[in-house]
Amino acid sequence: MSMDHERRAVDETHARPTGVDDATVEALGELSKALETIHRVRGHLYAAHQLVGGADLTLDRVVGLLRSAGHAEVADRVANELLGRNLLPGRWTFQIMEEFDDGYYAAFQEIERDAREKLAGGRRHIYEAEMKQRRRTHGMPGHEATPAEA
């Protein structure tokens, strides 16, 4: 590894492989950033899955309360039109999650991993590691390159 690469790397795990140019490192960094966004999307989808499921279970109590209060027609409408209703045509949220996980999410992860393997020897976060190296104050407590230096 050249001195230039040694200066850029916080550790060997995140060092830029020889021959990898700035544009490639930046592209892989942006691809990683996009994948991180999709991880967040997945979390939001799981939150929606749990919230919708919880709301549906609450409808049992709503139907009972409406019946107890003498509102059978409204209770029937809630029970028949909302309770157990599909969120999307033919799908409860668990089915949406399975399709997302097995389709888009799995493909995105595989393509990001494949790009890193082909273009940077599988190394992750090269862009961020080089940014850390540039932005930290060398020798200053709290600015160590790795936990081993802390």
N, C-alpha and C. Protein backbone atom coordinates (compact mmCIF):
# COMPACT_ATOMS: atom_id res chain seq x y z
N MET A 1 0.85 -1.18 0.00
CA MET A 1 0.00 0.00 0.00
C MET A 1 0.89 1.23 0.00
N SER A 2 0.51 2.22 -0.79
CA SER A 2 1.31 3.44 -0.87
C SER A 2 1.12 4.28 0.38
N MET A 3 2.02 5.24 0.56
CA MET A 3 1.91 6.17 1.70
C MET A 3 0.60 6.95 1.61
N ASP A 4 0.20 7.31 0.39
CA ASP A 4 -1.04 8.06 0.22
C ASP A 4 -2.22 7.25 0.75
N HIS A 5 -2.26 5.96 0.42
CA HIS A 5 -3.34 5.12 0.91
C HIS A 5 -3.24 4.93 2.42
N GLU A 6 -2.04 4.80 2.94
CA GLU A 6 -1.89 4.66 4.39
C GLU A 6 -2.41 5.90 5.11
N ARG A 7 -2.16 7.06 4.56
CA ARG A 7 -2.65 8.30 5.17
C ARG A 7 -4.18 8.35 5.13
N ARG A 8 -4.76 7.79 4.09
CA ARG A 8 -6.21 7.84 3.93
C ARG A 8 -6.93 6.84 4.82
N ALA A 9 -6.32 5.75 5.19
CA ALA A 9 -7.01 4.65 5.87
C ALA A 9 -6.97 4.80 7.39
N VAL A 10 -8.09 4.56 8.03
CA VAL A 10 -8.10 4.53 9.50
C VAL A 10 -7.62 3.17 9.98
N ASP A 11 -7.80 2.15 9.18
CA ASP A 11 -7.30 0.80 9.49
C ASP A 11 -7.27 -0.02 8.20
N GLU A 12 -6.65 -1.17 8.26
CA GLU A 12 -6.48 -2.01 7.07
C GLU A 12 -7.82 -2.50 6.53
N THR A 13 -8.77 -2.77 7.41
CA THR A 13 -10.09 -3.28 7.00
C THR A 13 -10.81 -2.30 6.08
N HIS A 14 -10.57 -1.02 6.28
CA HIS A 14 -11.25 0.02 5.51
C HIS A 14 -10.34 0.72 4.50
N ALA A 15 -9.16 0.18 4.31
CA ALA A 15 -8.21 0.79 3.38
C ALA A 15 -8.66 0.59 1.94
N ARG A 16 -8.44 1.60 1.15
CA ARG A 16 -8.77 1.56 -0.27
C ARG A 16 -7.83 0.57 -0.96
N PRO A 17 -8.38 -0.41 -1.66
CA PRO A 17 -7.50 -1.34 -2.39
C PRO A 17 -6.72 -0.59 -3.47
N THR A 18 -5.55 -1.05 -3.77
CA THR A 18 -4.72 -0.46 -4.81
C THR A 18 -5.48 -0.42 -6.13
N GLY A 19 -5.42 0.73 -6.78
CA GLY A 19 -6.04 0.88 -8.09
C GLY A 19 -7.48 1.37 -8.06
N VAL A 20 -8.06 1.50 -6.88
CA VAL A 20 -9.44 1.99 -6.80
C VAL A 20 -9.40 3.51 -6.76
N ASP A 21 -10.07 4.13 -7.72
CA ASP A 21 -10.01 5.59 -7.84
C ASP A 21 -11.06 6.29 -6.98
N ASP A 22 -10.93 7.62 -6.90
CA ASP A 22 -11.84 8.43 -6.08
C ASP A 22 -13.30 8.29 -6.52
N ALA A 23 -13.54 8.27 -7.83
CA ALA A 23 -14.92 8.18 -8.33
C ALA A 23 -15.57 6.87 -7.90
N THR A 24 -14.80 5.79 -7.91
CA THR A 24 -15.33 4.49 -7.49
C THR A 24 -15.63 4.49 -6.01
N VAL A 25 -14.71 5.04 -5.21
CA VAL A 25 -14.94 5.12 -3.77
C VAL A 25 -16.18 5.95 -3.48
N GLU A 26 -16.32 7.06 -4.18
CA GLU A 26 -17.50 7.91 -3.97
C GLU A 26 -18.78 7.20 -4.39
N ALA A 27 -18.75 6.51 -5.52
CA ALA A 27 -19.93 5.77 -5.99
C ALA A 27 -20.33 4.69 -5.00
N LEU A 28 -19.35 3.95 -4.50
CA LEU A 28 -19.65 2.91 -3.51
C LEU A 28 -20.17 3.52 -2.21
N GLY A 29 -19.64 4.68 -1.84
CA GLY A 29 -20.14 5.38 -0.66
C GLY A 29 -21.59 5.79 -0.83
N GLU A 30 -21.94 6.29 -2.01
CA GLU A 30 -23.32 6.69 -2.27
C GLU A 30 -24.25 5.47 -2.33
N LEU A 31 -23.76 4.36 -2.89
CA LEU A 31 -24.56 3.13 -2.92
C LEU A 31 -24.82 2.63 -1.50
N SER A 32 -23.79 2.69 -0.66
CA SER A 32 -23.94 2.31 0.74
C SER A 32 -24.93 3.23 1.45
N LYS A 33 -24.84 4.51 1.17
CA LYS A 33 -25.77 5.49 1.76
C LYS A 33 -27.21 5.18 1.35
N ALA A 34 -27.40 4.85 0.09
CA ALA A 34 -28.74 4.50 -0.40
C ALA A 34 -29.25 3.23 0.29
N LEU A 35 -28.37 2.24 0.47
CA LEU A 35 -28.77 1.01 1.17
C LEU A 35 -29.15 1.32 2.61
N GLU A 36 -28.39 2.19 3.26
CA GLU A 36 -28.74 2.58 4.64
C GLU A 36 -30.12 3.22 4.69
N THR A 37 -30.47 3.99 3.68
CA THR A 37 -31.81 4.58 3.60
C THR A 37 -32.86 3.48 3.48
N ILE A 38 -32.58 2.46 2.69
CA ILE A 38 -33.52 1.35 2.53
C ILE A 38 -33.64 0.56 3.82
N HIS A 39 -32.56 0.45 4.60
CA HIS A 39 -32.67 -0.18 5.92
C HIS A 39 -33.65 0.61 6.79
N ARG A 40 -33.58 1.92 6.72
CA ARG A 40 -34.51 2.76 7.48
C ARG A 40 -35.93 2.58 6.99
N VAL A 41 -36.11 2.50 5.67
CA VAL A 41 -37.44 2.25 5.10
C VAL A 41 -38.00 0.95 5.65
N ARG A 42 -37.17 -0.08 5.70
CA ARG A 42 -37.61 -1.37 6.22
C ARG A 42 -38.09 -1.23 7.66
N GLY A 43 -37.36 -0.48 8.47
CA GLY A 43 -37.77 -0.25 9.85
C GLY A 43 -39.12 0.47 9.92
N HIS A 44 -39.30 1.46 9.05
CA HIS A 44 -40.58 2.18 9.02
C HIS A 44 -41.71 1.25 8.58
N LEU A 45 -41.43 0.39 7.61
CA LEU A 45 -42.46 -0.56 7.18
C LEU A 45 -42.83 -1.52 8.30
N TYR A 46 -41.83 -2.00 9.05
CA TYR A 46 -42.13 -2.88 10.19
C TYR A 46 -42.91 -2.13 11.27
N ALA A 47 -42.61 -0.86 11.47
CA ALA A 47 -43.38 -0.07 12.43
C ALA A 47 -44.83 0.04 11.96
N ALA A 48 -45.04 0.31 10.68
CA ALA A 48 -46.40 0.38 10.13
C ALA A 48 -47.10 -0.97 10.28
N HIS A 49 -46.39 -2.04 10.01
CA HIS A 49 -46.93 -3.40 10.17
C HIS A 49 -47.45 -3.61 11.60
N GLN A 50 -46.65 -3.23 12.57
CA GLN A 50 -47.05 -3.41 13.97
C GLN A 50 -48.17 -2.46 14.36
N LEU A 51 -48.13 -1.24 13.88
CA LEU A 51 -49.19 -0.27 14.20
C LEU A 51 -50.53 -0.68 13.60
N VAL A 52 -50.53 -1.11 12.35
CA VAL A 52 -51.77 -1.54 11.70
C VAL A 52 -52.32 -2.78 12.42
N GLY A 53 -51.44 -3.71 12.75
CA GLY A 53 -51.89 -4.90 13.47
C GLY A 53 -52.48 -4.56 14.83
N GLY A 54 -51.84 -3.64 15.54
CA GLY A 54 -52.36 -3.21 16.83
C GLY A 54 -53.70 -2.52 16.71
N ALA A 55 -53.85 -1.68 15.68
CA ALA A 55 -55.12 -1.01 15.45
C ALA A 55 -56.22 -2.02 15.14
N ASP A 56 -55.90 -3.02 14.34
CA ASP A 56 -56.88 -4.04 14.01
C ASP A 56 -57.33 -4.80 15.26
N LEU A 57 -56.39 -5.13 16.13
CA LEU A 57 -56.75 -5.82 17.37
C LEU A 57 -57.60 -4.93 18.29
N THR A 58 -57.35 -3.63 18.25
CA THR A 58 -58.15 -2.68 19.04
C THR A 58 -59.60 -2.65 18.57
N LEU A 59 -59.81 -2.94 17.30
CA LEU A 59 -61.17 -2.93 16.77
C LEU A 59 -62.07 -3.96 17.46
N ASP A 60 -61.49 -5.04 17.96
CA ASP A 60 -62.30 -6.01 18.73
C ASP A 60 -62.97 -5.31 19.91
N ARG A 61 -62.19 -4.53 20.62
CA ARG A 61 -62.74 -3.80 21.77
C ARG A 61 -63.75 -2.75 21.32
N VAL A 62 -63.44 -2.06 20.21
CA VAL A 62 -64.36 -1.05 19.69
C VAL A 62 -65.72 -1.68 19.37
N VAL A 63 -65.71 -2.82 18.69
CA VAL A 63 -66.96 -3.49 18.34
C VAL A 63 -67.73 -3.86 19.61
N GLY A 64 -67.05 -4.40 20.59
CA GLY A 64 -67.71 -4.75 21.85
C GLY A 64 -68.31 -3.55 22.56
N LEU A 65 -67.55 -2.46 22.61
CA LEU A 65 -68.04 -1.24 23.26
C LEU A 65 -69.24 -0.66 22.52
N LEU A 66 -69.18 -0.65 21.21
CA LEU A 66 -70.31 -0.14 20.43
C LEU A 66 -71.57 -0.99 20.65
N ARG A 67 -71.40 -2.30 20.68
CA ARG A 67 -72.54 -3.18 20.92
C ARG A 67 -73.11 -2.94 22.31
N SER A 68 -72.23 -2.83 23.31
CA SER A 68 -72.67 -2.58 24.69
C SER A 68 -73.42 -1.26 24.81
N ALA A 69 -73.04 -0.30 23.99
CA ALA A 69 -73.68 1.02 24.04
C ALA A 69 -74.93 1.07 23.18
N GLY A 70 -75.29 -0.05 22.56
CA GLY A 70 -76.52 -0.10 21.78
C GLY A 70 -76.38 0.37 20.34
N HIS A 71 -75.19 0.38 19.81
CA HIS A 71 -74.95 0.87 18.44
C HIS A 71 -74.59 -0.30 17.52
N ALA A 72 -75.51 -1.24 17.40
CA ALA A 72 -75.26 -2.47 16.65
C ALA A 72 -74.93 -2.21 15.19
N GLU A 73 -75.59 -1.25 14.56
CA GLU A 73 -75.36 -0.97 13.14
C GLU A 73 -73.93 -0.47 12.91
N VAL A 74 -73.46 0.44 13.75
CA VAL A 74 -72.09 0.95 13.63
C VAL A 74 -71.09 -0.16 13.98
N ALA A 75 -71.40 -0.94 15.01
CA ALA A 75 -70.53 -2.06 15.40
C ALA A 75 -70.40 -3.06 14.25
N ASP A 76 -71.52 -3.36 13.59
CA ASP A 76 -71.49 -4.29 12.46
C ASP A 76 -70.63 -3.74 11.32
N ARG A 77 -70.74 -2.45 11.08
CA ARG A 77 -69.94 -1.85 10.00
C ARG A 77 -68.45 -1.96 10.32
N VAL A 78 -68.06 -1.61 11.55
CA VAL A 78 -66.65 -1.74 11.95
C VAL A 78 -66.20 -3.19 11.82
N ALA A 79 -67.03 -4.11 12.32
CA ALA A 79 -66.67 -5.53 12.32
C ALA A 79 -66.57 -6.09 10.90
N ASN A 80 -67.48 -5.68 10.04
CA ASN A 80 -67.54 -6.27 8.70
C ASN A 80 -66.67 -5.57 7.67
N GLU A 81 -66.45 -4.27 7.84
CA GLU A 81 -65.72 -3.52 6.82
C GLU A 81 -64.28 -3.18 7.20
N LEU A 82 -63.98 -3.14 8.50
CA LEU A 82 -62.62 -2.79 8.93
C LEU A 82 -61.86 -3.96 9.55
N LEU A 83 -62.49 -4.66 10.45
CA LEU A 83 -61.82 -5.75 11.17
C LEU A 83 -61.28 -6.78 10.19
N GLY A 84 -59.98 -6.99 10.18
CA GLY A 84 -59.35 -7.98 9.31
C GLY A 84 -59.23 -7.56 7.85
N ARG A 85 -59.48 -6.31 7.56
CA ARG A 85 -59.43 -5.83 6.17
C ARG A 85 -58.00 -5.82 5.65
N ASN A 86 -57.84 -6.10 4.36
CA ASN A 86 -56.54 -6.00 3.70
C ASN A 86 -56.10 -4.55 3.66
N LEU A 87 -54.82 -4.31 3.89
CA LEU A 87 -54.28 -2.96 3.76
C LEU A 87 -54.16 -2.58 2.28
N LEU A 88 -53.68 -3.51 1.49
CA LEU A 88 -53.60 -3.39 0.03
C LEU A 88 -54.35 -4.58 -0.55
N PRO A 89 -54.75 -4.53 -1.81
CA PRO A 89 -55.52 -5.63 -2.38
C PRO A 89 -54.87 -7.00 -2.12
N GLY A 90 -55.60 -7.85 -1.40
CA GLY A 90 -55.13 -9.21 -1.13
C GLY A 90 -54.02 -9.33 -0.11
N ARG A 91 -53.64 -8.23 0.55
CA ARG A 91 -52.47 -8.29 1.43
C ARG A 91 -52.72 -7.66 2.79
N TRP A 92 -52.38 -8.42 3.81
CA TRP A 92 -52.19 -7.86 5.14
C TRP A 92 -50.74 -7.36 5.18
N THR A 93 -50.39 -6.66 6.23
CA THR A 93 -49.05 -6.07 6.29
C THR A 93 -47.95 -7.13 6.33
N PHE A 94 -48.21 -8.30 6.93
CA PHE A 94 -47.15 -9.32 6.95
C PHE A 94 -46.80 -9.76 5.53
N GLN A 95 -47.78 -9.78 4.65
CA GLN A 95 -47.52 -10.17 3.27
C GLN A 95 -46.73 -9.09 2.53
N ILE A 96 -47.04 -7.85 2.84
CA ILE A 96 -46.29 -6.73 2.26
C ILE A 96 -44.83 -6.82 2.72
N MET A 97 -44.62 -7.08 4.01
CA MET A 97 -43.26 -7.18 4.55
C MET A 97 -42.49 -8.32 3.90
N GLU A 98 -43.15 -9.47 3.75
CA GLU A 98 -42.47 -10.60 3.12
C GLU A 98 -42.08 -10.29 1.68
N GLU A 99 -42.99 -9.66 0.94
CA GLU A 99 -42.67 -9.30 -0.45
C GLU A 99 -41.52 -8.29 -0.51
N PHE A 100 -41.56 -7.30 0.37
CA PHE A 100 -40.49 -6.30 0.42
C PHE A 100 -39.16 -6.95 0.77
N ASP A 101 -39.16 -7.75 1.86
CA ASP A 101 -37.92 -8.39 2.31
C ASP A 101 -37.33 -9.31 1.25
N ASP A 102 -38.18 -10.13 0.62
CA ASP A 102 -37.69 -11.13 -0.34
C ASP A 102 -37.42 -10.54 -1.72
N GLY A 103 -37.99 -9.38 -2.02
CA GLY A 103 -37.83 -8.77 -3.33
C GLY A 103 -36.85 -7.61 -3.32
N TYR A 104 -37.39 -6.42 -3.19
CA TYR A 104 -36.60 -5.20 -3.30
C TYR A 104 -35.44 -5.15 -2.30
N TYR A 105 -35.73 -5.44 -1.04
CA TYR A 105 -34.72 -5.36 0.01
C TYR A 105 -33.58 -6.35 -0.23
N ALA A 106 -33.93 -7.58 -0.54
CA ALA A 106 -32.90 -8.60 -0.80
C ALA A 106 -32.08 -8.24 -2.03
N ALA A 107 -32.74 -7.77 -3.08
CA ALA A 107 -32.02 -7.40 -4.31
C ALA A 107 -31.07 -6.24 -4.05
N PHE A 108 -31.53 -5.23 -3.31
CA PHE A 108 -30.69 -4.06 -3.01
C PHE A 108 -29.45 -4.49 -2.24
N GLN A 109 -29.63 -5.31 -1.21
CA GLN A 109 -28.48 -5.77 -0.41
C GLN A 109 -27.50 -6.57 -1.27
N GLU A 110 -28.02 -7.44 -2.11
CA GLU A 110 -27.16 -8.29 -2.93
C GLU A 110 -26.39 -7.46 -3.95
N ILE A 111 -27.04 -6.50 -4.57
CA ILE A 111 -26.38 -5.66 -5.57
C ILE A 111 -25.31 -4.79 -4.92
N GLU A 112 -25.60 -4.24 -3.74
CA GLU A 112 -24.60 -3.43 -3.03
C GLU A 112 -23.39 -4.29 -2.66
N ARG A 113 -23.63 -5.49 -2.13
CA ARG A 113 -22.55 -6.40 -1.77
C ARG A 113 -21.73 -6.78 -3.00
N ASP A 114 -22.42 -7.11 -4.10
CA ASP A 114 -21.73 -7.49 -5.33
C ASP A 114 -20.86 -6.36 -5.86
N ALA A 115 -21.38 -5.13 -5.81
CA ALA A 115 -20.59 -3.98 -6.26
C ALA A 115 -19.33 -3.82 -5.43
N ARG A 116 -19.46 -3.95 -4.10
CA ARG A 116 -18.27 -3.86 -3.23
C ARG A 116 -17.28 -4.97 -3.54
N GLU A 117 -17.78 -6.18 -3.74
CA GLU A 117 -16.89 -7.31 -4.04
C GLU A 117 -16.12 -7.07 -5.34
N LYS A 118 -16.84 -6.65 -6.37
CA LYS A 118 -16.22 -6.47 -7.69
C LYS A 118 -15.30 -5.26 -7.75
N LEU A 119 -15.65 -4.19 -7.05
CA LEU A 119 -14.93 -2.93 -7.22
C LEU A 119 -13.95 -2.59 -6.10
N ALA A 120 -14.14 -3.21 -4.91
CA ALA A 120 -13.29 -2.82 -3.77
C ALA A 120 -12.93 -3.99 -2.87
N GLY A 121 -12.88 -5.17 -3.43
CA GLY A 121 -12.49 -6.33 -2.65
C GLY A 121 -13.42 -6.62 -1.48
N GLY A 122 -14.65 -6.18 -1.59
CA GLY A 122 -15.64 -6.43 -0.53
C GLY A 122 -15.58 -5.47 0.64
N ARG A 123 -14.65 -4.54 0.60
CA ARG A 123 -14.49 -3.62 1.74
C ARG A 123 -15.66 -2.67 1.85
N ARG A 124 -16.06 -2.43 3.10
CA ARG A 124 -17.17 -1.53 3.38
C ARG A 124 -16.67 -0.20 3.90
N HIS A 125 -17.46 0.83 3.68
CA HIS A 125 -17.26 2.16 4.26
C HIS A 125 -15.89 2.78 4.00
N ILE A 126 -15.33 2.54 2.82
CA ILE A 126 -14.05 3.16 2.47
C ILE A 126 -14.20 4.68 2.46
N TYR A 127 -15.26 5.15 1.85
CA TYR A 127 -15.50 6.60 1.76
C TYR A 127 -15.54 7.23 3.15
N GLU A 128 -16.32 6.63 4.05
CA GLU A 128 -16.45 7.16 5.40
C GLU A 128 -15.14 7.06 6.18
N ALA A 129 -14.41 5.97 6.00
CA ALA A 129 -13.14 5.80 6.70
C ALA A 129 -12.13 6.85 6.27
N GLU A 130 -12.12 7.16 4.99
CA GLU A 130 -11.22 8.21 4.50
C GLU A 130 -11.67 9.58 4.99
N MET A 131 -12.97 9.79 5.06
CA MET A 131 -13.48 11.06 5.58
C MET A 131 -13.09 11.20 7.05
N LYS A 132 -13.23 10.14 7.81
CA LYS A 132 -12.83 10.19 9.22
C LYS A 132 -11.36 10.55 9.34
N GLN A 133 -10.54 9.93 8.52
CA GLN A 133 -9.10 10.19 8.58
C GLN A 133 -8.79 11.66 8.27
N ARG A 134 -9.53 12.23 7.30
CA ARG A 134 -9.31 13.64 6.94
C ARG A 134 -9.82 14.59 8.02
N ARG A 135 -10.91 14.26 8.68
CA ARG A 135 -11.58 15.20 9.57
C ARG A 135 -11.11 15.12 11.03
N ARG A 136 -10.52 14.01 11.42
CA ARG A 136 -10.12 13.90 12.82
C ARG A 136 -8.86 14.71 13.10
N THR A 137 -8.67 15.12 14.34
CA THR A 137 -7.47 15.83 14.75
C THR A 137 -6.50 14.78 15.30
N HIS A 138 -5.50 14.47 14.51
CA HIS A 138 -4.54 13.42 14.88
C HIS A 138 -3.87 13.78 16.21
N GLY A 139 -3.81 12.78 17.11
CA GLY A 139 -3.15 12.97 18.39
C GLY A 139 -4.06 13.56 19.47
N MET A 140 -5.24 13.98 19.13
CA MET A 140 -6.17 14.58 20.09
C MET A 140 -7.05 13.49 20.69
N PRO A 141 -7.18 13.46 22.04
CA PRO A 141 -8.07 12.48 22.67
C PRO A 141 -9.49 12.61 22.09
N GLY A 142 -10.10 11.45 21.86
CA GLY A 142 -11.42 11.43 21.25
C GLY A 142 -11.41 11.44 19.74
N HIS A 143 -10.21 11.51 19.16
CA HIS A 143 -10.06 11.53 17.71
C HIS A 143 -9.25 10.34 17.21
N GLU A 144 -9.16 9.29 18.00
CA GLU A 144 -8.36 8.13 17.62
C GLU A 144 -8.94 7.48 16.36
N ALA A 145 -8.08 6.87 15.56
CA ALA A 145 -8.50 6.24 14.32
C ALA A 145 -9.30 4.97 14.57
N THR A 146 -8.95 4.23 15.61
CA THR A 146 -9.61 2.95 15.91
C THR A 146 -9.79 2.80 17.42
N PRO A 147 -10.66 1.90 17.84
CA PRO A 147 -10.81 1.65 19.29
C PRO A 147 -9.48 1.23 19.96
N ALA A 148 -8.65 0.50 19.22
CA ALA A 148 -7.37 0.06 19.79
C ALA A 148 -6.47 1.24 20.15
N GLU A 149 -6.63 2.36 19.47
CA GLU A 149 -5.82 3.56 19.77
C GLU A 149 -6.40 4.39 20.91
N ALA A 150 -7.63 4.12 21.30
CA ALA A 150 -8.29 4.94 22.35
C ALA A 150 -7.71 4.68 23.71
